[in-house]
Amino acid sequence: MTSAPDRLLHHRTEGPTAAPPLLLGPSLGTSTGLWDAVAPDLSTAHRVVRWDLPGHGGSAADLIGPGATVADLAALVMELADSLSLDRFSYAGVSLGGAVGLWLAVHHPERIDRLAVVCSSAHFGEPGPWQERAALVRRDGLAPVAAGAAARWFTPGFTAPELLDDLGATDPSSYAACCDALAAYDLRLRLPEIQAATLVIAGREDPATPPAHARELADAIPDATLTELAATSHLAPAENPEAVRVALRGHFGANRSGHSGMAVRREVLGNAHVDRAQAGTTGFTARFQDFITRYAWGEIWTDPTLSRRERSLITLTALVAHGHHDELAMHVRAALRNGLTPQEIGAALLQTGVYCGVPAANSAFAVARRVLEEIQETDGPDASPTN
């Protein structure tokens, strides 16, 4: 869905309305299209809101003027968030869009949940070059800037014509005002105030914001994480979307709904099982245990798109189909914790008789019956199946 009320930034929303909100900010000279290869994936677990800078994409040019600041741009983003009733949200932004995110995290910490800063900086160099670029664009339009854009944005051999077209369609006065904002921007002394969990992503081949800028951010922001992407230049979501997707999924999926992967694993499987698994961890299996805790429990089981009851039903049928009986026994217990009744578990197993085969369902019923009988013997005949 797209929207562009006169005094709001043009924006595009994707994903479940009730999912955790995530705003995505663009780089100077681009539009919401910068996130085309990343946003659909993120929208499976988030209410994603992409926005355009003033005079870029579908946003009105007169939302800012000469002498604009990053604070002015951040105020526009706050107005957008307020219009969507987003009291608290996560945020990821590229370059100037990342600067807006940093400004919001410093000045409105109560509004920012988690932050990702992509190919950006706390200070984009001395004001002079930005002031000169602003003057050039006001005098001659965007053609002189567009001529060198590919070299600033991409590694040799890569191109994204649609993003170059975005630059050519940008309003020159708005572009120049954004240059004014970059000229005046310097958050270096305020970075230690950022409270939001922060991921910094850098392209190792980025000439506009070299990795040294990202390291400065990661060193100054408390507990920030730094990821450097090889063979990637300034517009990382376009040039290396898979790496950006993975990094952002991991960052914004962590502690979703207030739960870590280990907490969810314990809630679903029970402390006794997890304690046994942890006690049996060796140097050989440690990385696998960490993997399933972070990925299976920290990302998949915390995704709000499906309820835990629904995830238990899916898991039971998948385990029946593959004949993983030890895992099936474990997840019958987990299904009870997730609110399924024995009757609902039986109905799911009956369904597998149609689609996985009678022998598979027969074995599954035997496993489930054993587990349910063990629970009754341990907890007594009047015990609640969800205790």
Protein backbone atom coordinates (compact mmCIF):
# COMPACT_ATOMS: atom_id res chain seq x y z
CA MET A 1 0.00 0.00 0.00
CA THR A 2 1.27 3.47 -0.81
CA SER A 3 0.27 6.81 0.63
CA ALA A 4 1.21 10.45 0.09
CA PRO A 5 -0.90 12.99 2.00
CA ASP A 6 0.24 16.50 1.10
CA ARG A 7 2.16 17.21 4.31
CA LEU A 8 3.41 13.71 5.04
CA LEU A 9 6.37 11.92 3.56
CA HIS A 10 5.34 9.53 0.82
CA HIS A 11 5.47 6.03 2.25
CA ARG A 12 4.71 2.43 1.49
CA THR A 13 3.52 -0.10 4.07
CA GLU A 14 3.85 -3.88 3.89
CA GLY A 15 3.29 -6.78 6.26
CA PRO A 16 0.80 -7.64 9.03
CA THR A 17 -0.79 -4.59 10.66
CA ALA A 18 -0.32 -6.08 14.12
CA ALA A 19 3.33 -7.02 13.60
CA PRO A 20 6.16 -5.01 15.18
CA PRO A 21 6.69 -1.83 13.12
CA LEU A 22 9.92 -1.28 11.21
CA LEU A 23 10.68 1.96 9.32
CA LEU A 24 13.15 1.89 6.42
CA GLY A 25 14.92 5.12 5.40
CA PRO A 26 16.56 5.82 2.01
CA SER A 27 19.86 7.27 0.88
CA LEU A 28 20.17 10.70 -0.71
CA GLY A 29 19.02 10.54 -4.35
CA THR A 30 17.08 7.27 -4.03
CA SER A 31 13.52 6.27 -3.16
CA THR A 32 11.63 3.47 -1.45
CA GLY A 33 12.88 1.33 -4.36
CA LEU A 34 16.26 1.07 -2.63
CA TRP A 35 14.64 -1.53 -0.35
CA ASP A 36 12.83 -3.54 -3.05
CA ALA A 37 15.02 -6.64 -2.63
CA VAL A 38 14.92 -6.55 1.19
CA ALA A 39 11.58 -5.17 2.41
CA PRO A 40 9.30 -8.04 1.24
CA ASP A 41 11.30 -10.53 3.30
CA LEU A 42 11.30 -8.29 6.38
CA SER A 43 7.55 -7.74 5.99
CA THR A 44 6.78 -11.39 6.82
CA ALA A 45 7.50 -10.58 10.48
CA HIS A 46 7.18 -6.78 10.62
CA ARG A 47 4.88 -4.00 9.60
CA VAL A 48 7.40 -2.40 7.24
CA VAL A 49 7.07 1.29 6.40
CA ARG A 50 9.38 2.63 3.69
CA TRP A 51 9.51 6.40 3.21
CA ASP A 52 10.84 8.87 0.63
CA LEU A 53 12.94 11.94 1.33
CA PRO A 54 11.36 15.30 0.39
CA GLY A 55 11.42 15.79 -3.37
CA HIS A 56 12.41 12.14 -3.85
CA GLY A 57 10.08 9.41 -5.09
CA GLY A 58 6.55 10.45 -4.21
CA SER A 59 7.29 12.97 -1.43
CA ALA A 60 6.46 16.65 -1.94
CA ALA A 61 9.44 18.88 -2.67
CA ASP A 62 8.39 21.71 -0.37
CA LEU A 63 8.56 19.66 2.83
CA ILE A 64 12.03 21.15 3.38
CA GLY A 65 13.92 24.15 2.04
CA PRO A 66 17.37 25.75 2.03
CA GLY A 67 19.24 25.39 5.30
CA ALA A 68 17.43 22.16 6.21
CA THR A 69 18.89 19.92 8.91
CA VAL A 70 18.77 16.22 9.73
CA ALA A 71 16.58 17.27 12.66
CA ASP A 72 14.05 18.61 10.14
CA LEU A 73 14.03 15.29 8.30
CA ALA A 74 13.70 13.39 11.57
CA ALA A 75 10.72 15.56 12.51
CA LEU A 76 9.03 14.55 9.25
CA VAL A 77 9.63 10.89 10.07
CA MET A 78 8.15 11.42 13.53
CA GLU A 79 5.07 13.03 11.96
CA LEU A 80 4.74 10.00 9.70
CA ALA A 81 5.07 7.59 12.64
CA ASP A 82 2.49 9.56 14.61
CA SER A 83 0.07 9.50 11.68
CA LEU A 84 0.36 5.69 11.64
CA SER A 85 -0.05 5.48 15.46
CA LEU A 86 3.43 4.02 15.87
CA ASP A 87 4.40 4.93 19.41
CA ARG A 88 7.54 2.78 19.33
CA PHE A 89 9.22 1.28 16.29
CA SER A 90 12.45 -0.21 14.98
CA TYR A 91 14.35 1.63 12.29
CA ALA A 92 16.90 0.92 9.55
CA GLY A 93 18.31 3.55 7.22
CA VAL A 94 20.95 3.91 4.52
CA SER A 95 23.37 6.86 4.46
CA LEU A 96 21.23 9.99 5.04
CA GLY A 97 18.40 7.69 6.10
CA GLY A 98 20.77 6.14 8.62
CA ALA A 99 21.70 9.59 9.93
CA VAL A 100 18.00 10.24 10.54
CA GLY A 101 17.82 7.01 12.54
CA LEU A 102 20.81 7.98 14.65
CA TRP A 103 19.28 11.41 15.33
CA LEU A 104 16.00 9.80 16.40
CA ALA A 105 17.81 7.35 18.68
CA VAL A 106 19.65 10.22 20.39
CA HIS A 107 16.75 12.65 20.70
CA HIS A 108 13.75 10.30 20.99
CA PRO A 109 15.07 7.16 22.71
CA GLU A 110 11.58 6.33 23.97
CA ARG A 111 10.38 5.87 20.37
CA ILE A 112 13.17 3.68 18.96
CA ASP A 113 13.18 -0.02 19.79
CA ARG A 114 16.07 -1.37 17.69
CA LEU A 115 18.26 0.49 15.19
CA ALA A 116 20.25 -0.53 12.11
CA VAL A 117 22.57 1.96 10.41
CA VAL A 118 23.59 0.94 6.88
CA CYS A 119 26.51 2.58 5.04
CA SER A 120 26.13 5.71 7.10
CA SER A 121 28.03 7.94 9.51
CA ALA A 122 27.84 10.25 12.49
CA HIS A 123 29.60 12.92 10.38
CA PHE A 124 29.80 12.98 6.58
CA GLY A 125 32.92 15.12 6.33
CA GLU A 126 33.52 18.84 6.38
CA PRO A 127 30.63 21.15 5.40
CA GLY A 128 32.43 22.69 2.41
CA PRO A 129 32.03 19.89 -0.16
CA TRP A 130 28.32 19.47 0.69
CA GLN A 131 27.73 23.19 0.44
CA GLU A 132 29.49 23.20 -2.92
CA ARG A 133 27.36 20.29 -4.15
CA ALA A 134 24.20 22.06 -3.01
CA ALA A 135 25.22 25.21 -4.90
CA LEU A 136 26.08 23.17 -8.00
CA VAL A 137 22.70 21.42 -8.02
CA ARG A 138 20.81 24.65 -7.47
CA ARG A 139 22.65 26.20 -10.41
CA ASP A 140 22.96 23.33 -12.90
CA GLY A 141 20.45 20.71 -11.79
CA LEU A 142 21.25 17.07 -11.03
CA ALA A 143 23.03 16.15 -14.25
CA PRO A 144 26.56 16.85 -12.90
CA VAL A 145 25.84 14.78 -9.76
CA ALA A 146 24.16 11.96 -11.68
CA ALA A 147 27.21 11.58 -13.93
CA GLY A 148 29.31 10.21 -11.07
CA ALA A 149 26.59 8.48 -9.07
CA ALA A 150 27.31 4.92 -10.23
CA ALA A 151 30.93 5.17 -9.11
CA ARG A 152 29.87 6.47 -5.68
CA TRP A 153 27.08 3.95 -5.22
CA PHE A 154 28.22 0.65 -6.70
CA THR A 155 31.28 -1.54 -7.14
CA PRO A 156 32.64 -1.79 -10.72
CA GLY A 157 30.50 -4.06 -12.86
CA PHE A 158 27.32 -3.64 -10.82
CA THR A 159 24.52 -1.25 -11.63
CA ALA A 160 20.88 -0.64 -10.73
CA PRO A 161 19.37 1.53 -13.50
CA GLU A 162 16.14 2.06 -11.58
CA LEU A 163 18.03 3.78 -8.75
CA LEU A 164 19.90 5.99 -11.19
CA ASP A 165 16.52 6.86 -12.69
CA ASP A 166 15.33 7.81 -9.20
CA LEU A 167 18.20 10.25 -8.91
CA GLY A 168 17.41 11.81 -12.26
CA ALA A 169 13.77 12.29 -11.22
CA THR A 170 14.63 13.94 -7.87
CA ASP A 171 13.74 17.59 -7.34
CA PRO A 172 17.01 19.59 -7.43
CA SER A 173 15.98 22.04 -4.73
CA SER A 174 15.10 19.23 -2.33
CA TYR A 175 18.33 17.38 -3.14
CA ALA A 176 20.26 20.58 -2.40
CA ALA A 177 18.40 21.04 0.89
CA CYS A 178 19.39 17.49 1.87
CA CYS A 179 22.99 18.41 1.09
CA ASP A 180 22.57 21.36 3.49
CA ALA A 181 21.41 18.90 6.12
CA LEU A 182 24.45 16.68 5.60
CA ALA A 183 26.76 19.70 5.77
CA ALA A 184 25.45 20.69 9.20
CA TYR A 185 25.19 17.17 10.63
CA ASP A 186 27.56 15.93 13.35
CA LEU A 187 26.42 13.46 16.02
CA ARG A 188 29.83 12.13 17.03
CA LEU A 189 29.71 13.43 20.60
CA ARG A 190 26.15 12.17 21.15
CA LEU A 191 26.63 8.54 20.08
CA PRO A 192 27.25 7.19 23.63
CA GLU A 193 23.73 8.37 24.55
CA ILE A 194 22.06 5.88 22.19
CA GLN A 195 20.13 3.27 24.16
CA ALA A 196 18.62 1.22 21.34
CA ALA A 197 20.29 -2.05 20.40
CA THR A 198 22.20 -1.05 17.27
CA LEU A 199 23.55 -2.90 14.25
CA VAL A 200 26.02 -1.08 12.01
CA ILE A 201 26.47 -2.42 8.44
CA ALA A 202 29.33 -1.26 6.21
CA GLY A 203 30.28 -1.97 2.63
CA ARG A 204 34.00 -2.62 2.43
CA GLU A 205 34.17 -0.98 -1.01
CA ASP A 206 32.11 2.07 -0.04
CA PRO A 207 33.86 5.33 -1.02
CA ALA A 208 31.09 7.56 0.35
CA THR A 209 31.07 6.21 3.92
CA PRO A 210 34.14 3.96 4.21
CA PRO A 211 34.25 1.23 6.87
CA ALA A 212 36.15 3.57 9.19
CA HIS A 213 32.91 5.54 9.61
CA ALA A 214 31.05 2.38 10.59
CA ARG A 215 33.76 1.41 13.07
CA GLU A 216 33.51 4.85 14.66
CA LEU A 217 29.79 4.28 15.14
CA ALA A 218 30.20 0.78 16.52
CA ASP A 219 32.96 1.86 18.91
CA ALA A 220 30.97 4.78 20.32
CA ILE A 221 27.44 3.34 20.54
CA PRO A 222 27.09 1.13 23.64
CA ASP A 223 27.02 -2.59 22.77
CA ALA A 224 26.66 -1.94 19.03
CA THR A 225 27.37 -4.75 16.56
CA LEU A 226 29.32 -4.22 13.34
CA THR A 227 28.94 -6.21 10.12
CA GLU A 228 31.18 -5.49 7.13
CA LEU A 229 30.08 -6.77 3.72
CA ALA A 230 32.73 -7.76 1.20
CA ALA A 231 32.47 -6.62 -2.43
CA THR A 232 29.78 -4.10 -1.47
CA SER A 233 29.68 -0.35 -1.99
CA HIS A 234 27.37 2.39 -0.71
CA LEU A 235 23.89 1.11 -1.57
CA ALA A 236 24.21 -2.25 0.15
CA PRO A 237 20.48 -3.19 0.10
CA ALA A 238 20.56 -3.04 -3.69
CA GLU A 239 24.01 -4.53 -4.31
CA ASN A 240 24.08 -7.22 -1.63
CA PRO A 241 20.45 -7.71 -0.58
CA GLU A 242 20.82 -11.27 0.73
CA ALA A 243 23.55 -10.31 3.20
CA VAL A 244 21.57 -7.26 4.31
CA ARG A 245 18.40 -9.37 4.71
CA VAL A 246 20.19 -11.91 6.88
CA ALA A 247 21.80 -9.25 9.04
CA LEU A 248 18.58 -7.30 9.54
CA ARG A 249 16.48 -10.41 10.19
CA GLY A 250 18.92 -11.49 12.88
CA HIS A 251 19.06 -8.05 14.46
CA PHE A 252 15.38 -7.17 14.41
CA GLY A 253 14.34 -10.74 15.23
CA ALA A 254 16.44 -10.85 18.40
CA ASN A 255 14.44 -10.46 21.61
CA ARG A 256 11.26 -10.01 19.59
CA SER A 257 8.23 -9.70 21.85
CA GLY A 258 10.60 -9.37 24.77
CA HIS A 259 11.92 -12.93 24.48
CA SER A 260 15.37 -14.21 23.67
CA GLY A 261 15.80 -17.43 21.71
CA MET A 262 16.79 -19.31 24.87
CA ALA A 263 13.77 -17.98 26.77
CA VAL A 264 11.38 -19.14 24.03
CA ARG A 265 13.13 -22.50 23.81
CA ARG A 266 12.60 -23.02 27.53
CA GLU A 267 8.98 -21.88 27.39
CA VAL A 268 8.13 -24.29 24.57
CA LEU A 269 10.29 -27.34 25.37
CA GLY A 270 10.54 -27.01 29.15
CA ASN A 271 13.48 -26.36 31.43
CA ALA A 272 14.25 -30.02 32.00
CA HIS A 273 14.76 -30.77 28.32
CA VAL A 274 16.80 -27.64 27.66
CA ASP A 275 18.94 -28.23 30.76
CA ARG A 276 19.73 -31.76 29.51
CA ALA A 277 20.62 -30.42 26.07
CA GLN A 278 22.85 -27.74 27.55
CA ALA A 279 24.54 -30.19 29.92
CA GLY A 280 25.28 -32.50 27.00
CA THR A 281 26.83 -29.76 24.88
CA THR A 282 30.42 -30.44 23.83
CA GLY A 283 32.94 -28.49 21.82
CA PHE A 284 31.76 -30.48 18.82
CA THR A 285 28.04 -29.61 19.26
CA ALA A 286 28.29 -26.10 20.78
CA ARG A 287 27.94 -24.24 17.48
CA PHE A 288 24.88 -26.30 16.54
CA GLN A 289 23.22 -25.60 19.90
CA ASP A 290 23.92 -21.89 19.42
CA PHE A 291 22.55 -22.07 15.87
CA ILE A 292 19.21 -23.63 16.81
CA THR A 293 18.78 -21.29 19.78
CA ARG A 294 19.38 -18.18 17.67
CA TYR A 295 17.73 -19.25 14.42
CA ALA A 296 14.97 -21.75 15.24
CA TRP A 297 13.95 -20.25 18.58
CA GLY A 298 15.18 -16.65 18.31
CA GLU A 299 13.82 -15.98 14.80
CA ILE A 300 11.28 -18.57 13.64
CA TRP A 301 9.40 -19.35 16.85
CA THR A 302 9.28 -15.66 17.79
CA ASP A 303 7.85 -14.55 14.42
CA PRO A 304 4.40 -13.10 15.29
CA THR A 305 2.86 -14.07 11.94
CA LEU A 306 1.81 -17.46 13.38
CA SER A 307 0.78 -18.30 16.93
CA ARG A 308 2.65 -20.91 18.94
CA ARG A 309 -0.36 -23.23 18.68
CA GLU A 310 -0.19 -22.99 14.90
CA ARG A 311 3.56 -23.57 14.91
CA SER A 312 3.10 -26.67 17.06
CA LEU A 313 0.57 -28.12 14.62
CA ILE A 314 2.91 -27.49 11.69
CA THR A 315 5.86 -28.98 13.56
CA LEU A 316 3.98 -32.12 14.54
CA THR A 317 2.93 -32.88 10.98
CA ALA A 318 6.44 -32.23 9.61
CA LEU A 319 7.97 -34.59 12.17
CA VAL A 320 5.43 -37.29 11.35
CA ALA A 321 6.15 -36.93 7.64
CA HIS A 322 9.88 -37.46 8.16
CA GLY A 323 9.58 -40.12 10.85
CA HIS A 324 11.51 -38.16 13.49
CA HIS A 325 9.95 -39.95 16.44
CA ASP A 326 12.25 -38.68 19.21
CA GLU A 327 11.62 -35.11 18.10
CA LEU A 328 7.91 -35.91 17.77
CA ALA A 329 7.73 -37.00 21.43
CA MET A 330 9.44 -33.79 22.48
CA HIS A 331 7.04 -31.68 20.43
CA VAL A 332 3.93 -33.46 21.68
CA ARG A 333 4.94 -32.17 25.11
CA ALA A 334 5.67 -28.77 23.57
CA ALA A 335 2.24 -28.72 21.89
CA LEU A 336 0.56 -29.21 25.27
CA ARG A 337 2.56 -26.29 26.67
CA ASN A 338 1.50 -24.21 23.68
CA GLY A 339 -2.19 -24.78 24.50
CA LEU A 340 -3.18 -27.72 22.31
CA THR A 341 -5.40 -30.36 23.89
CA PRO A 342 -4.81 -34.11 23.45
CA GLN A 343 -7.89 -34.15 21.22
CA GLU A 344 -6.41 -31.46 18.94
CA ILE A 345 -3.10 -33.31 18.80
CA GLY A 346 -5.00 -36.47 17.85
CA ALA A 347 -6.87 -34.60 15.11
CA ALA A 348 -3.58 -33.33 13.68
CA LEU A 349 -2.14 -36.86 13.68
CA LEU A 350 -5.29 -38.18 12.02
CA GLN A 351 -4.77 -35.59 9.28
CA THR A 352 -1.28 -36.98 8.72
CA GLY A 353 -2.83 -40.38 8.01
CA VAL A 354 -4.33 -38.86 4.85
CA TYR A 355 -1.30 -36.91 3.64
CA CYS A 356 1.70 -38.76 5.13
CA GLY A 357 0.34 -42.31 5.05
CA VAL A 358 -1.31 -44.68 7.52
CA PRO A 359 1.94 -46.35 8.69
CA ALA A 360 3.45 -42.94 9.51
CA ALA A 361 0.33 -41.90 11.42
CA ASN A 362 0.18 -45.25 13.22
CA SER A 363 3.72 -44.77 14.53
CA ALA A 364 2.95 -41.16 15.45
CA PHE A 365 -0.15 -42.16 17.44
CA ALA A 366 1.95 -44.71 19.35
CA VAL A 367 4.52 -42.04 20.25
CA ALA A 368 1.89 -39.50 21.25
CA ARG A 369 -0.06 -42.03 23.34
CA ARG A 370 3.10 -42.97 25.23
CA VAL A 371 3.90 -39.32 25.95
CA LEU A 372 0.35 -38.54 27.12
CA GLU A 373 0.31 -41.61 29.37
CA GLU A 374 3.66 -40.65 30.88
CA ILE A 375 2.31 -37.18 31.64
CA GLN A 376 -0.79 -38.64 33.27
CA GLU A 377 1.31 -41.02 35.39
CA THR A 378 3.60 -38.19 36.49
CA ASP A 379 1.04 -35.46 37.11
CA GLY A 380 -2.01 -37.52 37.99
CA PRO A 381 -5.31 -38.14 36.15
CA ASP A 382 -6.66 -34.67 36.94
CA ALA A 383 -3.62 -32.78 35.78
CA SER A 384 -4.16 -30.08 33.17
CA PRO A 385 -2.52 -31.03 29.88
CA THR A 386 -1.04 -27.55 29.60
CA ASN A 387 0.75 -27.49 32.98
